[in-house]
mmCIF file of all heavy atoms, coordinates in Angstrom:
data_MODEL
# 
_entry.id   MODEL 
# 
loop_
_atom_site.group_PDB 
_atom_site.id 
_atom_site.type_symbol 
_atom_site.label_atom_id 
_atom_site.label_alt_id 
_atom_site.label_comp_id 
_atom_site.label_asym_id 
_atom_site.label_entity_id 
_atom_site.label_seq_id 
_atom_site.pdbx_PDB_ins_code 
_atom_site.Cartn_x 
_atom_site.Cartn_y 
_atom_site.Cartn_z 
_atom_site.occupancy 
_atom_site.B_iso_or_equiv 
_atom_site.pdbx_formal_charge 
_atom_site.auth_seq_id 
_atom_site.auth_comp_id 
_atom_site.auth_asym_id 
_atom_site.auth_atom_id 
_atom_site.pdbx_PDB_model_num 
ATOM 1   N N   . VAL A 1 1  ? 2.347   -32.007 -2.469 1.00 0.00 ? 1  VAL A N   1 
ATOM 2   C CA  . VAL A 1 1  ? 3.359   -32.382 -1.475 1.00 0.00 ? 1  VAL A CA  1 
ATOM 3   C C   . VAL A 1 1  ? 4.706   -31.784 -1.864 1.00 0.00 ? 1  VAL A C   1 
ATOM 4   O O   . VAL A 1 1  ? 5.392   -31.171 -1.039 1.00 0.00 ? 1  VAL A O   1 
ATOM 5   C CB  . VAL A 1 1  ? 3.464   -33.925 -1.338 1.00 0.00 ? 1  VAL A CB  1 
ATOM 6   C CG1 . VAL A 1 1  ? 4.691   -34.324 -0.539 1.00 0.00 ? 1  VAL A CG1 1 
ATOM 7   C CG2 . VAL A 1 1  ? 2.197   -34.494 -0.717 1.00 0.00 ? 1  VAL A CG2 1 
ATOM 8   N N   . GLU A 1 2  ? 5.064   -31.907 -3.128 1.00 0.00 ? 2  GLU A N   1 
ATOM 9   C CA  . GLU A 1 2  ? 6.339   -31.371 -3.608 1.00 0.00 ? 2  GLU A CA  1 
ATOM 10  C C   . GLU A 1 2  ? 6.374   -29.844 -3.506 1.00 0.00 ? 2  GLU A C   1 
ATOM 11  O O   . GLU A 1 2  ? 7.403   -29.261 -3.139 1.00 0.00 ? 2  GLU A O   1 
ATOM 12  C CB  . GLU A 1 2  ? 6.583   -31.814 -5.046 1.00 0.00 ? 2  GLU A CB  1 
ATOM 13  C CG  . GLU A 1 2  ? 7.954   -31.431 -5.552 1.00 0.00 ? 2  GLU A CG  1 
ATOM 14  C CD  . GLU A 1 2  ? 8.248   -31.976 -6.946 1.00 0.00 ? 2  GLU A CD  1 
ATOM 15  O OE1 . GLU A 1 2  ? 7.370   -32.620 -7.563 1.00 0.00 ? 2  GLU A OE1 1 
ATOM 16  O OE2 . GLU A 1 2  ? 9.369   -31.738 -7.415 1.00 0.00 ? 2  GLU A OE2 1 
ATOM 17  N N   . LEU A 1 3  ? 5.259   -29.184 -3.820 1.00 0.00 ? 3  LEU A N   1 
ATOM 18  C CA  . LEU A 1 3  ? 5.194   -27.720 -3.687 1.00 0.00 ? 3  LEU A CA  1 
ATOM 19  C C   . LEU A 1 3  ? 5.535   -27.281 -2.266 1.00 0.00 ? 3  LEU A C   1 
ATOM 20  O O   . LEU A 1 3  ? 6.304   -26.338 -2.059 1.00 0.00 ? 3  LEU A O   1 
ATOM 21  C CB  . LEU A 1 3  ? 3.791   -27.208 -4.021 1.00 0.00 ? 3  LEU A CB  1 
ATOM 22  C CG  . LEU A 1 3  ? 3.505   -26.760 -5.430 1.00 0.00 ? 3  LEU A CG  1 
ATOM 23  C CD1 . LEU A 1 3  ? 2.024   -26.468 -5.599 1.00 0.00 ? 3  LEU A CD1 1 
ATOM 24  C CD2 . LEU A 1 3  ? 4.338   -25.572 -5.812 1.00 0.00 ? 3  LEU A CD2 1 
ATOM 25  N N   . ILE A 1 4  ? 4.953   -27.954 -1.284 1.00 0.00 ? 4  ILE A N   1 
ATOM 26  C CA  . ILE A 1 4  ? 5.207   -27.593 0.121  1.00 0.00 ? 4  ILE A CA  1 
ATOM 27  C C   . ILE A 1 4  ? 6.646   -27.908 0.506  1.00 0.00 ? 4  ILE A C   1 
ATOM 28  O O   . ILE A 1 4  ? 7.324   -27.096 1.131  1.00 0.00 ? 4  ILE A O   1 
ATOM 29  C CB  . ILE A 1 4  ? 4.205   -28.308 1.053  1.00 0.00 ? 4  ILE A CB  1 
ATOM 30  C CG1 . ILE A 1 4  ? 2.803   -27.741 0.840  1.00 0.00 ? 4  ILE A CG1 1 
ATOM 31  C CG2 . ILE A 1 4  ? 4.627   -28.163 2.523  1.00 0.00 ? 4  ILE A CG2 1 
ATOM 32  C CD1 . ILE A 1 4  ? 1.698   -28.496 1.568  1.00 0.00 ? 4  ILE A CD1 1 
ATOM 33  N N   . GLN A 1 5  ? 7.132   -29.077 0.121  1.00 0.00 ? 5  GLN A N   1 
ATOM 34  C CA  . GLN A 1 5  ? 8.485   -29.474 0.511  1.00 0.00 ? 5  GLN A CA  1 
ATOM 35  C C   . GLN A 1 5  ? 9.566   -28.604 -0.121 1.00 0.00 ? 5  GLN A C   1 
ATOM 36  O O   . GLN A 1 5  ? 10.618  -28.405 0.471  1.00 0.00 ? 5  GLN A O   1 
ATOM 37  C CB  . GLN A 1 5  ? 8.722   -30.947 0.158  1.00 0.00 ? 5  GLN A CB  1 
ATOM 38  C CG  . GLN A 1 5  ? 7.923   -31.883 1.024  1.00 0.00 ? 5  GLN A CG  1 
ATOM 39  C CD  . GLN A 1 5  ? 8.079   -33.336 0.623  1.00 0.00 ? 5  GLN A CD  1 
ATOM 40  O OE1 . GLN A 1 5  ? 8.291   -33.662 -0.543 1.00 0.00 ? 5  GLN A OE1 1 
ATOM 41  N NE2 . GLN A 1 5  ? 7.969   -34.210 1.612  1.00 0.00 ? 5  GLN A NE2 1 
ATOM 42  N N   . LEU A 1 6  ? 9.307   -28.086 -1.319 1.00 0.00 ? 6  LEU A N   1 
ATOM 43  C CA  . LEU A 1 6  ? 10.314  -27.300 -2.033 1.00 0.00 ? 6  LEU A CA  1 
ATOM 44  C C   . LEU A 1 6  ? 10.064  -25.792 -1.993 1.00 0.00 ? 6  LEU A C   1 
ATOM 45  O O   . LEU A 1 6  ? 10.810  -25.028 -2.597 1.00 0.00 ? 6  LEU A O   1 
ATOM 46  C CB  . LEU A 1 6  ? 10.404  -27.763 -3.486 1.00 0.00 ? 6  LEU A CB  1 
ATOM 47  C CG  . LEU A 1 6  ? 10.802  -29.226 -3.689 1.00 0.00 ? 6  LEU A CG  1 
ATOM 48  C CD1 . LEU A 1 6  ? 10.787  -29.581 -5.166 1.00 0.00 ? 6  LEU A CD1 1 
ATOM 49  C CD2 . LEU A 1 6  ? 12.145  -29.522 -3.053 1.00 0.00 ? 6  LEU A CD2 1 
ATOM 50  N N   . ALA A 1 7  ? 9.016   -25.376 -1.290 1.00 0.00 ? 7  ALA A N   1 
ATOM 51  C CA  . ALA A 1 7  ? 8.699   -23.943 -1.219 1.00 0.00 ? 7  ALA A CA  1 
ATOM 52  C C   . ALA A 1 7  ? 9.853   -23.196 -0.562 1.00 0.00 ? 7  ALA A C   1 
ATOM 53  O O   . ALA A 1 7  ? 10.390  -23.647 0.456  1.00 0.00 ? 7  ALA A O   1 
ATOM 54  C CB  . ALA A 1 7  ? 7.415   -23.722 -0.438 1.00 0.00 ? 7  ALA A CB  1 
ATOM 55  N N   . PRO A 1 8  ? 10.243  -22.068 -1.123 1.00 0.00 ? 8  PRO A N   1 
ATOM 56  C CA  . PRO A 1 8  ? 11.300  -21.276 -0.484 1.00 0.00 ? 8  PRO A CA  1 
ATOM 57  C C   . PRO A 1 8  ? 10.796  -20.671 0.822  1.00 0.00 ? 8  PRO A C   1 
ATOM 58  O O   . PRO A 1 8  ? 9.594   -20.474 1.008  1.00 0.00 ? 8  PRO A O   1 
ATOM 59  C CB  . PRO A 1 8  ? 11.600  -20.183 -1.515 1.00 0.00 ? 8  PRO A CB  1 
ATOM 60  C CG  . PRO A 1 8  ? 10.346  -20.074 -2.327 1.00 0.00 ? 8  PRO A CG  1 
ATOM 61  C CD  . PRO A 1 8  ? 9.721   -21.439 -2.333 1.00 0.00 ? 8  PRO A CD  1 
ATOM 62  N N   . SER A 1 9  ? 11.724  -20.395 1.708  1.00 0.00 ? 9  SER A N   1 
ATOM 63  C CA  . SER A 1 9  ? 11.340  -19.736 2.959  1.00 0.00 ? 9  SER A CA  1 
ATOM 64  C C   . SER A 1 9  ? 10.705  -18.392 2.640  1.00 0.00 ? 9  SER A C   1 
ATOM 65  O O   . SER A 1 9  ? 11.098  -17.710 1.690  1.00 0.00 ? 9  SER A O   1 
ATOM 66  C CB  . SER A 1 9  ? 12.564  -19.539 3.856  1.00 0.00 ? 9  SER A CB  1 
ATOM 67  O OG  . SER A 1 9  ? 13.041  -20.785 4.281  1.00 0.00 ? 9  SER A OG  1 
ATOM 68  N N   . ARG A 1 10 ? 9.741   -18.032 3.430  1.00 0.00 ? 10 ARG A N   1 
ATOM 69  C CA  . ARG A 1 10 ? 9.054   -16.754 3.267  1.00 0.00 ? 10 ARG A CA  1 
ATOM 70  C C   . ARG A 1 10 ? 8.885   -16.167 4.664  1.00 0.00 ? 10 ARG A C   1 
ATOM 71  O O   . ARG A 1 10 ? 8.244   -16.762 5.518  1.00 0.00 ? 10 ARG A O   1 
ATOM 72  C CB  . ARG A 1 10 ? 7.705   -16.972 2.596  1.00 0.00 ? 10 ARG A CB  1 
ATOM 73  C CG  . ARG A 1 10 ? 7.006   -15.696 2.239  1.00 0.00 ? 10 ARG A CG  1 
ATOM 74  C CD  . ARG A 1 10 ? 5.830   -15.974 1.334  1.00 0.00 ? 10 ARG A CD  1 
ATOM 75  N NE  . ARG A 1 10 ? 5.053   -14.764 1.192  1.00 0.00 ? 10 ARG A NE  1 
ATOM 76  C CZ  . ARG A 1 10 ? 3.859   -14.726 0.666  1.00 0.00 ? 10 ARG A CZ  1 
ATOM 77  N NH1 . ARG A 1 10 ? 3.300   -15.826 0.199  1.00 0.00 ? 10 ARG A NH1 1 
ATOM 78  N NH2 . ARG A 1 10 ? 3.203   -13.601 0.576  1.00 0.00 ? 10 ARG A NH2 1 
ATOM 79  N N   . TRP A 1 11 ? 9.470   -15.009 4.880  1.00 0.00 ? 11 TRP A N   1 
ATOM 80  C CA  . TRP A 1 11 ? 9.561   -14.419 6.213  1.00 0.00 ? 11 TRP A CA  1 
ATOM 81  C C   . TRP A 1 11 ? 8.495   -13.363 6.424  1.00 0.00 ? 11 TRP A C   1 
ATOM 82  O O   . TRP A 1 11 ? 8.299   -12.486 5.584  1.00 0.00 ? 11 TRP A O   1 
ATOM 83  C CB  . TRP A 1 11 ? 10.947  -13.816 6.431  1.00 0.00 ? 11 TRP A CB  1 
ATOM 84  C CG  . TRP A 1 11 ? 11.996  -14.872 6.328  1.00 0.00 ? 11 TRP A CG  1 
ATOM 85  C CD1 . TRP A 1 11 ? 12.678  -15.248 5.199  1.00 0.00 ? 11 TRP A CD1 1 
ATOM 86  C CD2 . TRP A 1 11 ? 12.443  -15.726 7.360  1.00 0.00 ? 11 TRP A CD2 1 
ATOM 87  N NE1 . TRP A 1 11 ? 13.511  -16.285 5.487  1.00 0.00 ? 11 TRP A NE1 1 
ATOM 88  C CE2 . TRP A 1 11 ? 13.397  -16.601 6.814  1.00 0.00 ? 11 TRP A CE2 1 
ATOM 89  C CE3 . TRP A 1 11 ? 12.119  -15.852 8.716  1.00 0.00 ? 11 TRP A CE3 1 
ATOM 90  C CZ2 . TRP A 1 11 ? 14.036  -17.575 7.560  1.00 0.00 ? 11 TRP A CZ2 1 
ATOM 91  C CZ3 . TRP A 1 11 ? 12.769  -16.816 9.459  1.00 0.00 ? 11 TRP A CZ3 1 
ATOM 92  C CH2 . TRP A 1 11 ? 13.711  -17.666 8.885  1.00 0.00 ? 11 TRP A CH2 1 
ATOM 93  N N   . MET A 1 12 ? 7.820   -13.454 7.553  1.00 0.00 ? 12 MET A N   1 
ATOM 94  C CA  . MET A 1 12 ? 6.887   -12.445 8.051  1.00 0.00 ? 12 MET A CA  1 
ATOM 95  C C   . MET A 1 12 ? 5.954   -11.923 6.954  1.00 0.00 ? 12 MET A C   1 
ATOM 96  O O   . MET A 1 12 ? 6.074   -10.810 6.493  1.00 0.00 ? 12 MET A O   1 
ATOM 97  C CB  . MET A 1 12 ? 7.658   -11.331 8.736  1.00 0.00 ? 12 MET A CB  1 
ATOM 98  C CG  . MET A 1 12 ? 8.382   -11.853 9.952  1.00 0.00 ? 12 MET A CG  1 
ATOM 99  S SD  . MET A 1 12 ? 9.340   -10.714 10.957 1.00 0.00 ? 12 MET A SD  1 
ATOM 100 C CE  . MET A 1 12 ? 8.786   -9.120  10.577 1.00 0.00 ? 12 MET A CE  1 
ATOM 101 N N   . PHE A 1 13 ? 4.995   -12.762 6.590  1.00 0.00 ? 13 PHE A N   1 
ATOM 102 C CA  . PHE A 1 13 ? 4.001   -12.388 5.589  1.00 0.00 ? 13 PHE A CA  1 
ATOM 103 C C   . PHE A 1 13 ? 2.611   -12.538 6.193  1.00 0.00 ? 13 PHE A C   1 
ATOM 104 O O   . PHE A 1 13 ? 2.456   -13.005 7.318  1.00 0.00 ? 13 PHE A O   1 
ATOM 105 C CB  . PHE A 1 13 ? 4.148   -13.229 4.307  1.00 0.00 ? 13 PHE A CB  1 
ATOM 106 C CG  . PHE A 1 13 ? 3.796   -14.687 4.465  1.00 0.00 ? 13 PHE A CG  1 
ATOM 107 C CD1 . PHE A 1 13 ? 2.545   -15.161 4.132  1.00 0.00 ? 13 PHE A CD1 1 
ATOM 108 C CD2 . PHE A 1 13 ? 4.748   -15.592 4.921  1.00 0.00 ? 13 PHE A CD2 1 
ATOM 109 C CE1 . PHE A 1 13 ? 2.229   -16.508 4.270  1.00 0.00 ? 13 PHE A CE1 1 
ATOM 110 C CE2 . PHE A 1 13 ? 4.448   -16.942 5.050  1.00 0.00 ? 13 PHE A CE2 1 
ATOM 111 C CZ  . PHE A 1 13 ? 3.188   -17.408 4.729  1.00 0.00 ? 13 PHE A CZ  1 
ATOM 112 N N   . GLN A 1 14 ? 1.619   -12.139 5.433  1.00 0.00 ? 14 GLN A N   1 
ATOM 113 C CA  . GLN A 1 14 ? 0.247   -12.198 5.912  1.00 0.00 ? 14 GLN A CA  1 
ATOM 114 C C   . GLN A 1 14 ? -0.629  -12.850 4.849  1.00 0.00 ? 14 GLN A C   1 
ATOM 115 O O   . GLN A 1 14 ? -0.491  -12.570 3.661  1.00 0.00 ? 14 GLN A O   1 
ATOM 116 C CB  . GLN A 1 14 ? -0.249  -10.782 6.204  1.00 0.00 ? 14 GLN A CB  1 
ATOM 117 C CG  . GLN A 1 14 ? -1.458  -10.736 7.078  1.00 0.00 ? 14 GLN A CG  1 
ATOM 118 C CD  . GLN A 1 14 ? -1.712  -9.319  7.563  1.00 0.00 ? 14 GLN A CD  1 
ATOM 119 O OE1 . GLN A 1 14 ? -1.587  -8.366  6.806  1.00 0.00 ? 14 GLN A OE1 1 
ATOM 120 N NE2 . GLN A 1 14 ? -2.069  -9.181  8.817  1.00 0.00 ? 14 GLN A NE2 1 
ATOM 121 N N   . ASP A 1 15 ? -1.498  -13.742 5.285  1.00 0.00 ? 15 ASP A N   1 
ATOM 122 C CA  . ASP A 1 15 ? -2.510  -14.361 4.433  1.00 0.00 ? 15 ASP A CA  1 
ATOM 123 C C   . ASP A 1 15 ? -3.692  -14.680 5.338  1.00 0.00 ? 15 ASP A C   1 
ATOM 124 O O   . ASP A 1 15 ? -3.542  -15.444 6.302  1.00 0.00 ? 15 ASP A O   1 
ATOM 125 C CB  . ASP A 1 15 ? -1.977  -15.634 3.761  1.00 0.00 ? 15 ASP A CB  1 
ATOM 126 C CG  . ASP A 1 15 ? -3.025  -16.273 2.879  1.00 0.00 ? 15 ASP A CG  1 
ATOM 127 O OD1 . ASP A 1 15 ? -3.141  -15.856 1.711  1.00 0.00 ? 15 ASP A OD1 1 
ATOM 128 O OD2 . ASP A 1 15 ? -3.746  -17.167 3.373  1.00 0.00 ? 15 ASP A OD2 1 
ATOM 129 N N   . ASP A 1 16 ? -4.848  -14.102 5.065  1.00 0.00 ? 16 ASP A N   1 
ATOM 130 C CA  . ASP A 1 16 ? -5.990  -14.227 5.966  1.00 0.00 ? 16 ASP A CA  1 
ATOM 131 C C   . ASP A 1 16 ? -6.466  -15.665 6.143  1.00 0.00 ? 16 ASP A C   1 
ATOM 132 O O   . ASP A 1 16 ? -6.734  -16.102 7.263  1.00 0.00 ? 16 ASP A O   1 
ATOM 133 C CB  . ASP A 1 16 ? -7.149  -13.342 5.493  1.00 0.00 ? 16 ASP A CB  1 
ATOM 134 C CG  . ASP A 1 16 ? -6.838  -11.859 5.614  1.00 0.00 ? 16 ASP A CG  1 
ATOM 135 O OD1 . ASP A 1 16 ? -5.972  -11.497 6.441  1.00 0.00 ? 16 ASP A OD1 1 
ATOM 136 O OD2 . ASP A 1 16 ? -7.459  -11.059 4.893  1.00 0.00 ? 16 ASP A OD2 1 
ATOM 137 N N   . SER A 1 17 ? -6.591  -16.427 5.058  1.00 0.00 ? 17 SER A N   1 
ATOM 138 C CA  . SER A 1 17 ? -7.075  -17.810 5.159  1.00 0.00 ? 17 SER A CA  1 
ATOM 139 C C   . SER A 1 17 ? -6.103  -18.676 5.941  1.00 0.00 ? 17 SER A C   1 
ATOM 140 O O   . SER A 1 17 ? -6.494  -19.432 6.835  1.00 0.00 ? 17 SER A O   1 
ATOM 141 C CB  . SER A 1 17 ? -7.287  -18.408 3.769  1.00 0.00 ? 17 SER A CB  1 
ATOM 142 O OG  . SER A 1 17 ? -8.293  -17.718 3.082  1.00 0.00 ? 17 SER A OG  1 
ATOM 143 N N   . LEU A 1 18 ? -4.840  -18.572 5.622  1.00 0.00 ? 18 LEU A N   1 
ATOM 144 C CA  . LEU A 1 18 ? -3.818  -19.369 6.293  1.00 0.00 ? 18 LEU A CA  1 
ATOM 145 C C   . LEU A 1 18 ? -3.715  -18.982 7.765  1.00 0.00 ? 18 LEU A C   1 
ATOM 146 O O   . LEU A 1 18 ? -3.626  -19.835 8.645  1.00 0.00 ? 18 LEU A O   1 
ATOM 147 C CB  . LEU A 1 18 ? -2.473  -19.189 5.589  1.00 0.00 ? 18 LEU A CB  1 
ATOM 148 C CG  . LEU A 1 18 ? -1.332  -20.091 6.002  1.00 0.00 ? 18 LEU A CG  1 
ATOM 149 C CD1 . LEU A 1 18 ? -1.705  -21.562 5.910  1.00 0.00 ? 18 LEU A CD1 1 
ATOM 150 C CD2 . LEU A 1 18 ? -0.111  -19.805 5.137  1.00 0.00 ? 18 LEU A CD2 1 
ATOM 151 N N   . CYS A 1 19 ? -3.788  -17.704 8.061  1.00 0.00 ? 19 CYS A N   1 
ATOM 152 C CA  . CYS A 1 19 ? -3.735  -17.224 9.442  1.00 0.00 ? 19 CYS A CA  1 
ATOM 153 C C   . CYS A 1 19 ? -4.935  -17.730 10.249 1.00 0.00 ? 19 CYS A C   1 
ATOM 154 O O   . CYS A 1 19 ? -4.780  -18.174 11.387 1.00 0.00 ? 19 CYS A O   1 
ATOM 155 C CB  . CYS A 1 19 ? -3.670  -15.699 9.474  1.00 0.00 ? 19 CYS A CB  1 
ATOM 156 S SG  . CYS A 1 19 ? -3.493  -15.013 11.136 1.00 0.00 ? 19 CYS A SG  1 
ATOM 157 N N   . SER A 1 20 ? -6.125  -17.679 9.653  1.00 0.00 ? 20 SER A N   1 
ATOM 158 C CA  . SER A 1 20 ? -7.321  -18.159 10.353 1.00 0.00 ? 20 SER A CA  1 
ATOM 159 C C   . SER A 1 20 ? -7.211  -19.636 10.692 1.00 0.00 ? 20 SER A C   1 
ATOM 160 O O   . SER A 1 20 ? -7.505  -20.053 11.815 1.00 0.00 ? 20 SER A O   1 
ATOM 161 C CB  . SER A 1 20 ? -8.573  -17.929 9.502  1.00 0.00 ? 20 SER A CB  1 
ATOM 162 O OG  . SER A 1 20 ? -8.810  -16.560 9.349  1.00 0.00 ? 20 SER A OG  1 
ATOM 163 N N   . CYS A 1 21 ? -6.786  -20.440 9.734  1.00 0.00 ? 21 CYS A N   1 
ATOM 164 C CA  . CYS A 1 21 ? -6.623  -21.880 9.978  1.00 0.00 ? 21 CYS A CA  1 
ATOM 165 C C   . CYS A 1 21 ? -5.571  -22.128 11.052 1.00 0.00 ? 21 CYS A C   1 
ATOM 166 O O   . CYS A 1 21 ? -5.775  -22.943 11.959 1.00 0.00 ? 21 CYS A O   1 
ATOM 167 C CB  . CYS A 1 21 ? -6.219  -22.599 8.694  1.00 0.00 ? 21 CYS A CB  1 
ATOM 168 S SG  . CYS A 1 21 ? -7.497  -22.646 7.432  1.00 0.00 ? 21 CYS A SG  1 
ATOM 169 N N   . ALA A 1 22 ? -4.444  -21.423 10.969 1.00 0.00 ? 22 ALA A N   1 
ATOM 170 C CA  . ALA A 1 22 ? -3.370  -21.604 11.944 1.00 0.00 ? 22 ALA A CA  1 
ATOM 171 C C   . ALA A 1 22 ? -3.824  -21.189 13.343 1.00 0.00 ? 22 ALA A C   1 
ATOM 172 O O   . ALA A 1 22 ? -3.524  -21.862 14.329 1.00 0.00 ? 22 ALA A O   1 
ATOM 173 C CB  . ALA A 1 22 ? -2.134  -20.813 11.519 1.00 0.00 ? 22 ALA A CB  1 
ATOM 174 N N   . GLN A 1 23 ? -4.560  -20.093 13.437 1.00 0.00 ? 23 GLN A N   1 
ATOM 175 C CA  . GLN A 1 23 ? -5.045  -19.629 14.738 1.00 0.00 ? 23 GLN A CA  1 
ATOM 176 C C   . GLN A 1 23 ? -6.013  -20.641 15.346 1.00 0.00 ? 23 GLN A C   1 
ATOM 177 O O   . GLN A 1 23 ? -5.895  -21.009 16.516 1.00 0.00 ? 23 GLN A O   1 
ATOM 178 C CB  . GLN A 1 23 ? -5.713  -18.260 14.610 1.00 0.00 ? 23 GLN A CB  1 
ATOM 179 C CG  . GLN A 1 23 ? -6.092  -17.640 15.921 1.00 0.00 ? 23 GLN A CG  1 
ATOM 180 C CD  . GLN A 1 23 ? -4.893  -17.255 16.762 1.00 0.00 ? 23 GLN A CD  1 
ATOM 181 O OE1 . GLN A 1 23 ? -3.978  -16.602 16.291 1.00 0.00 ? 23 GLN A OE1 1 
ATOM 182 N NE2 . GLN A 1 23 ? -4.867  -17.666 18.010 1.00 0.00 ? 23 GLN A NE2 1 
ATOM 183 N N   . LEU A 1 24 ? -6.979  -21.099 14.553 1.00 0.00 ? 24 LEU A N   1 
ATOM 184 C CA  . LEU A 1 24 ? -7.954  -22.076 15.053 1.00 0.00 ? 24 LEU A CA  1 
ATOM 185 C C   . LEU A 1 24 ? -7.273  -23.373 15.481 1.00 0.00 ? 24 LEU A C   1 
ATOM 186 O O   . LEU A 1 24 ? -7.579  -23.926 16.537 1.00 0.00 ? 24 LEU A O   1 
ATOM 187 C CB  . LEU A 1 24 ? -9.010  -22.376 13.984 1.00 0.00 ? 24 LEU A CB  1 
ATOM 188 C CG  . LEU A 1 24 ? -10.042 -21.293 13.733 1.00 0.00 ? 24 LEU A CG  1 
ATOM 189 C CD1 . LEU A 1 24 ? -10.846 -21.603 12.465 1.00 0.00 ? 24 LEU A CD1 1 
ATOM 190 C CD2 . LEU A 1 24 ? -10.960 -21.133 14.929 1.00 0.00 ? 24 LEU A CD2 1 
ATOM 191 N N   . LEU A 1 25 ? -6.352  -23.854 14.674 1.00 0.00 ? 25 LEU A N   1 
ATOM 192 C CA  . LEU A 1 25 ? -5.677  -25.113 14.991 1.00 0.00 ? 25 LEU A CA  1 
ATOM 193 C C   . LEU A 1 25 ? -4.766  -24.975 16.201 1.00 0.00 ? 25 LEU A C   1 
ATOM 194 O O   . LEU A 1 25 ? -4.696  -25.872 17.042 1.00 0.00 ? 25 LEU A O   1 
ATOM 195 C CB  . LEU A 1 25 ? -4.897  -25.598 13.773 1.00 0.00 ? 25 LEU A CB  1 
ATOM 196 C CG  . LEU A 1 25 ? -4.386  -27.027 13.796 1.00 0.00 ? 25 LEU A CG  1 
ATOM 197 C CD1 . LEU A 1 25 ? -5.506  -28.018 14.057 1.00 0.00 ? 25 LEU A CD1 1 
ATOM 198 C CD2 . LEU A 1 25 ? -3.687  -27.355 12.484 1.00 0.00 ? 25 LEU A CD2 1 
ATOM 199 N N   . SER A 1 26 ? -4.102  -23.834 16.339 1.00 0.00 ? 26 SER A N   1 
ATOM 200 C CA  . SER A 1 26 ? -3.217  -23.650 17.495 1.00 0.00 ? 26 SER A CA  1 
ATOM 201 C C   . SER A 1 26 ? -4.001  -23.434 18.789 1.00 0.00 ? 26 SER A C   1 
ATOM 202 O O   . SER A 1 26 ? -3.499  -23.722 19.873 1.00 0.00 ? 26 SER A O   1 
ATOM 203 C CB  . SER A 1 26 ? -2.239  -22.499 17.261 1.00 0.00 ? 26 SER A CB  1 
ATOM 204 O OG  . SER A 1 26 ? -2.900  -21.262 17.150 1.00 0.00 ? 26 SER A OG  1 
# 
């Protein structure tokens, strides 16, 4: 939880697993 809350902003990147989950959920 702390990792997510304190993660620095990251602009326009690519990650296949995260993208797949985001696409399916959206």
